[in-house]
C-alpha atoms as a PDB file:
ATOM      1  CA  MET A   1      93.753 -36.188  41.178  1.00  0.00           C
ATOM      2  CA  ARG A   2      90.968 -34.989  38.908  1.00  0.00           C
ATOM      3  CA  GLU A   3      90.702 -38.369  37.183  1.00  0.00           C
ATOM      4  CA  LEU A   4      90.143 -40.100  40.541  1.00  0.00           C
ATOM      5  CA  ILE A   5      86.940 -38.160  41.204  1.00  0.00           C
ATOM      6  CA  PRO A   6      84.287 -39.098  38.649  1.00  0.00           C
ATOM      7  CA  THR A   7      82.060 -36.386  37.244  1.00  0.00           C
ATOM      8  CA  LEU A   8      78.386 -36.677  38.052  1.00  0.00           C
ATOM      9  CA  ASP A   9      75.847 -37.145  35.305  1.00  0.00           C
ATOM     10  CA  THR A  10      72.532 -35.312  35.133  1.00  0.00           C
ATOM     11  CA  LYS A  11      70.590 -37.933  37.059  1.00  0.00           C
ATOM     12  CA  GLU A  12      73.079 -37.933  39.936  1.00  0.00           C
ATOM     13  CA  LYS A  13      73.117 -34.138  40.099  1.00  0.00           C
ATOM     14  CA  SER A  14      69.314 -34.054  40.146  1.00  0.00           C
ATOM     15  CA  PHE A  15      69.202 -36.739  42.837  1.00  0.00           C
ATOM     16  CA  HIS A  16      71.598 -34.803  45.059  1.00  0.00           C
ATOM     17  CA  GLY A  17      69.614 -31.633  44.391  1.00  0.00           C
ATOM     18  CA  LEU A  18      66.410 -33.436  45.378  1.00  0.00           C
ATOM     19  CA  LEU A  19      67.993 -34.488  48.655  1.00  0.00           C
ATOM     20  CA  ALA A  20      69.348 -30.982  49.263  1.00  0.00           C
ATOM     21  CA  VAL A  21      65.967 -29.322  48.674  1.00  0.00           C
ATOM     22  CA  GLY A  22      64.251 -31.760  51.042  1.00  0.00           C
ATOM     23  CA  ALA A  23      66.919 -31.287  53.697  1.00  0.00           C
ATOM     24  CA  LEU A  24      66.796 -27.491  53.455  1.00  0.00           C
ATOM     25  CA  ALA A  25      63.012 -27.510  53.619  1.00  0.00           C
ATOM     26  CA  GLY A  26      63.180 -29.702  56.711  1.00  0.00           C
ATOM     27  CA  VAL A  27      65.790 -27.531  58.421  1.00  0.00           C
ATOM     28  CA  ILE A  28      63.970 -24.284  57.649  1.00  0.00           C
ATOM     29  CA  GLU A  29      60.594 -25.627  58.734  1.00  0.00           C
ATOM     30  CA  GLY A  30      62.070 -27.077  61.929  1.00  0.00           C
ATOM     31  CA  SER A  31      63.885 -23.820  62.626  1.00  0.00           C
ATOM     32  CA  ILE A  32      60.661 -21.841  62.227  1.00  0.00           C
ATOM     33  CA  ARG A  33      58.952 -24.001  64.814  1.00  0.00           C
ATOM     34  CA  TYR A  34      61.695 -24.810  67.332  1.00  0.00           C
ATOM     35  CA  GLY A  35      64.615 -22.474  66.732  1.00  0.00           C
ATOM     36  CA  LEU A  36      67.750 -23.610  64.882  1.00  0.00           C
ATOM     37  CA  THR A  37      67.478 -27.357  64.335  1.00  0.00           C
ATOM     38  CA  LEU A  38      69.532 -29.627  62.154  1.00  0.00           C
ATOM     39  CA  HIS A  39      67.915 -32.939  63.080  1.00  0.00           C
ATOM     40  CA  THR A  40      64.899 -32.145  60.870  1.00  0.00           C
ATOM     41  CA  ALA A  41      67.032 -32.367  57.719  1.00  0.00           C
ATOM     42  CA  PHE A  42      66.846 -36.154  57.461  1.00  0.00           C
ATOM     43  CA  PRO A  43      63.038 -36.445  57.711  1.00  0.00           C
ATOM     44  CA  GLY A  44      62.603 -33.687  55.136  1.00  0.00           C
ATOM     45  CA  MET A  45      65.097 -35.374  52.827  1.00  0.00           C
ATOM     46  CA  LEU A  46      63.539 -38.804  53.231  1.00  0.00           C
ATOM     47  CA  LEU A  47      59.962 -37.628  52.765  1.00  0.00           C
ATOM     48  CA  THR A  48      60.875 -35.633  49.658  1.00  0.00           C
ATOM     49  CA  LEU A  49      62.696 -38.639  48.217  1.00  0.00           C
ATOM     50  CA  LEU A  50      59.697 -40.876  48.940  1.00  0.00           C
ATOM     51  CA  GLY A  51      57.397 -38.350  47.274  1.00  0.00           C
ATOM     52  CA  ALA A  52      59.600 -38.396  44.168  1.00  0.00           C
ATOM     53  CA  PHE A  53      59.756 -42.200  44.161  1.00  0.00           C
ATOM     54  CA  PHE A  54      55.989 -42.595  44.404  1.00  0.00           C
ATOM     55  CA  GLY A  55      55.531 -39.882  41.779  1.00  0.00           C
ATOM     56  CA  GLY A  56      57.863 -41.722  39.407  1.00  0.00           C
ATOM     57  CA  PHE A  57      56.031 -44.971  40.095  1.00  0.00           C
ATOM     58  CA  THR A  58      52.688 -43.309  39.386  1.00  0.00           C
ATOM     59  CA  GLY A  59      53.992 -41.735  36.199  1.00  0.00           C
ATOM     60  CA  PHE A  60      55.413 -45.005  34.896  1.00  0.00           C
ATOM     61  CA  PHE A  61      52.241 -46.857  35.867  1.00  0.00           C
ATOM     62  CA  LEU A  62      50.055 -44.381  33.969  1.00  0.00           C
ATOM     63  CA  LYS A  63      52.456 -44.451  31.041  1.00  0.00           C
ATOM     64  CA  ASP A  64      52.357 -48.262  30.896  1.00  0.00           C
ATOM     65  CA  CYS A  65      48.560 -48.263  31.159  1.00  0.00           C
ATOM     66  CA  LEU A  66      48.278 -45.841  28.259  1.00  0.00           C
ATOM     67  CA  ARG A  67      50.813 -47.766  26.179  1.00  0.00           C
ATOM     68  CA  THR A  68      49.106 -51.126  26.706  1.00  0.00           C
ATOM     69  CA  TRP A  69      45.715 -49.545  26.046  1.00  0.00           C
ATOM     70  CA  ARG A  70      47.037 -48.426  22.630  1.00  0.00           C
ATOM     71  CA  GLY A  71      48.421 -51.920  21.955  1.00  0.00           C
ATOM     72  CA  LEU A  72      52.112 -51.096  22.500  1.00  0.00           C
ATOM     73  CA  LYS A  73      54.597 -52.918  24.693  1.00  0.00           C
ATOM     74  CA  PRO A  74      55.013 -51.494  28.202  1.00  0.00           C
ATOM     75  CA  TYR A  75      57.925 -49.120  28.649  1.00  0.00           C
ATOM     76  CA  ARG A  76      60.609 -50.304  31.016  1.00  0.00           C
ATOM     77  CA  GLY A  77      62.739 -47.424  32.175  1.00  0.00           C
ATOM     78  CA  ILE A  78      66.462 -48.055  32.017  1.00  0.00           C
ATOM     79  CA  ASN A  79      68.069 -44.734  32.841  1.00  0.00           C
ATOM     80  CA  ASN A  80      65.193 -42.969  34.647  1.00  0.00           C
ATOM     81  CA  ASP A  81      66.616 -39.512  33.955  1.00  0.00           C
ATOM     82  CA  GLY A  82      63.210 -37.938  33.366  1.00  0.00           C
ATOM     83  CA  TRP A  83      61.552 -38.664  36.660  1.00  0.00           C
ATOM     84  CA  VAL A  84      64.616 -37.784  38.743  1.00  0.00           C
ATOM     85  CA  MET A  85      65.009 -34.448  36.959  1.00  0.00           C
ATOM     86  CA  GLY A  86      61.271 -33.839  37.243  1.00  0.00           C
ATOM     87  CA  GLY A  87      61.332 -34.737  40.926  1.00  0.00           C
ATOM     88  CA  PHE A  88      64.109 -32.239  41.613  1.00  0.00           C
ATOM     89  CA  LEU A  89      62.461 -29.416  39.708  1.00  0.00           C
ATOM     90  CA  GLY A  90      59.093 -30.236  41.236  1.00  0.00           C
ATOM     91  CA  ALA A  91      60.501 -30.255  44.768  1.00  0.00           C
ATOM     92  CA  LEU A  92      62.180 -26.918  44.165  1.00  0.00           C
ATOM     93  CA  ALA A  93      59.035 -25.393  42.647  1.00  0.00           C
ATOM     94  CA  GLY A  94      56.784 -26.875  45.347  1.00  0.00           C
ATOM     95  CA  THR A  95      58.973 -25.486  48.113  1.00  0.00           C
ATOM     96  CA  LEU A  96      59.093 -22.052  46.520  1.00  0.00           C
ATOM     97  CA  LEU A  97      55.331 -22.036  45.979  1.00  0.00           C
ATOM     98  CA  GLN A  98      54.795 -23.016  49.611  1.00  0.00           C
ATOM     99  CA  VAL A  99      57.072 -20.171  50.712  1.00  0.00           C
ATOM    100  CA  ALA A 100      55.096 -17.751  48.552  1.00  0.00           C
ATOM    101  CA  ALA A 101      51.672 -19.043  49.591  1.00  0.00           C
ATOM    102  CA  SER A 102      52.241 -19.399  53.324  1.00  0.00           C
ATOM    103  CA  PRO A 103      52.202 -16.240  55.439  1.00  0.00           C
ATOM    104  CA  ASP A 104      54.695 -17.676  57.935  1.00  0.00           C
ATOM    105  CA  GLY A 105      56.635 -20.080  55.664  1.00  0.00           C
ATOM    106  CA  ALA A 106      55.376 -23.204  57.409  1.00  0.00           C
ATOM    107  CA  ASN A 107      54.814 -26.634  55.848  1.00  0.00           C
ATOM    108  CA  LEU A 108      57.781 -26.362  53.487  1.00  0.00           C
ATOM    109  CA  VAL A 109      58.310 -30.109  53.597  1.00  0.00           C
ATOM    110  CA  ILE A 110      54.705 -30.653  52.449  1.00  0.00           C
ATOM    111  CA  GLY A 111      55.387 -28.353  49.497  1.00  0.00           C
ATOM    112  CA  SER A 112      58.575 -30.214  48.619  1.00  0.00           C
ATOM    113  CA  ILE A 113      56.860 -33.621  48.901  1.00  0.00           C
ATOM    114  CA  LEU A 114      53.910 -32.657  46.718  1.00  0.00           C
ATOM    115  CA  GLY A 115      56.172 -30.868  44.254  1.00  0.00           C
ATOM    116  CA  ALA A 116      58.501 -33.863  44.013  1.00  0.00           C
ATOM    117  CA  TYR A 117      55.534 -36.192  43.512  1.00  0.00           C
ATOM    118  CA  ALA A 118      54.001 -34.071  40.746  1.00  0.00           C
ATOM    119  CA  GLY A 119      57.357 -33.375  39.084  1.00  0.00           C
ATOM    120  CA  ALA A 120      58.421 -37.014  39.073  1.00  0.00           C
ATOM    121  CA  ALA A 121      55.025 -38.151  37.769  1.00  0.00           C
ATOM    122  CA  CYS A 122      55.196 -35.614  34.947  1.00  0.00           C
ATOM    123  CA  GLY A 123      58.864 -36.394  34.292  1.00  0.00           C
ATOM    124  CA  ALA A 124      58.233 -40.127  33.943  1.00  0.00           C
ATOM    125  CA  ILE A 125      55.965 -39.630  30.932  1.00  0.00           C
ATOM    126  CA  PRO A 126      58.692 -38.330  28.527  1.00  0.00           C
ATOM    127  CA  ASP A 127      61.411 -40.461  30.176  1.00  0.00           C
ATOM    128  CA  GLU A 128      62.269 -42.415  27.028  1.00  0.00           C
ATOM    129  CA  VAL A 129      63.197 -39.249  25.107  1.00  0.00           C
ATOM    130  CA  VAL A 130      65.093 -37.444  27.881  1.00  0.00           C
ATOM    131  CA  THR A 131      68.149 -39.724  27.976  1.00  0.00           C
ATOM    132  CA  PRO A 132      68.866 -39.572  24.216  1.00  0.00           C
ATOM    133  CA  ILE A 133      68.590 -35.787  24.351  1.00  0.00           C
ATOM    134  CA  LEU A 134      71.049 -35.655  27.248  1.00  0.00           C
ATOM    135  CA  LEU A 135      73.455 -37.977  25.425  1.00  0.00           C
ATOM    136  CA  ARG A 136      73.380 -35.781  22.316  1.00  0.00           C
ATOM    137  CA  MET A 137      73.978 -32.703  24.435  1.00  0.00           C
ATOM    138  CA  LEU A 138      76.965 -34.462  26.008  1.00  0.00           C
ATOM    139  CA  GLU A 139      78.384 -35.374  22.600  1.00  0.00           C
ATOM    140  CA  LYS A 140      78.153 -31.763  21.421  1.00  0.00           C
ATOM    141  CA  ALA A 141      79.712 -30.308  24.584  1.00  0.00           C
ATOM    142  CA  PRO A 142      82.537 -27.901  23.788  1.00  0.00           C
ATOM    143  CA  GLY A 143      85.160 -29.788  25.831  1.00  0.00           C
ATOM    144  CA  LYS A 144      84.594 -33.086  23.984  1.00  0.00           C
ATOM    145  CA  PRO A 145      86.654 -34.060  20.911  1.00  0.00           C
END
């Protein structure tokens, strides 16, 4: 049975974490305003995902501008591990900072969106070195022959 369920790689885990942080931020913010609500999970999830996507786009755009300015070929991301991991960590940090900064815990989705945007933009810059590092870590894992 275990071989039928594939294991998730780092990018997939970070993507699911990004969705979970956005959904939790949406549910908590909706529950603060209207009582227990579950229908605010999807908008929080979608807006956080869009923030991460636009952050990754911005990061890759700035990276390509800097590379072409130096006379190098533009970088074309293949695996995109860096911006997805950065988006997840940024969304988590942005939500936690919004919880800490807000006296009533409101606008958690705004914190997750801005955090995902900033994290994905910063994660897109070192994207070409993140995947080889993850592959080497996977090769040296204790369960691998």
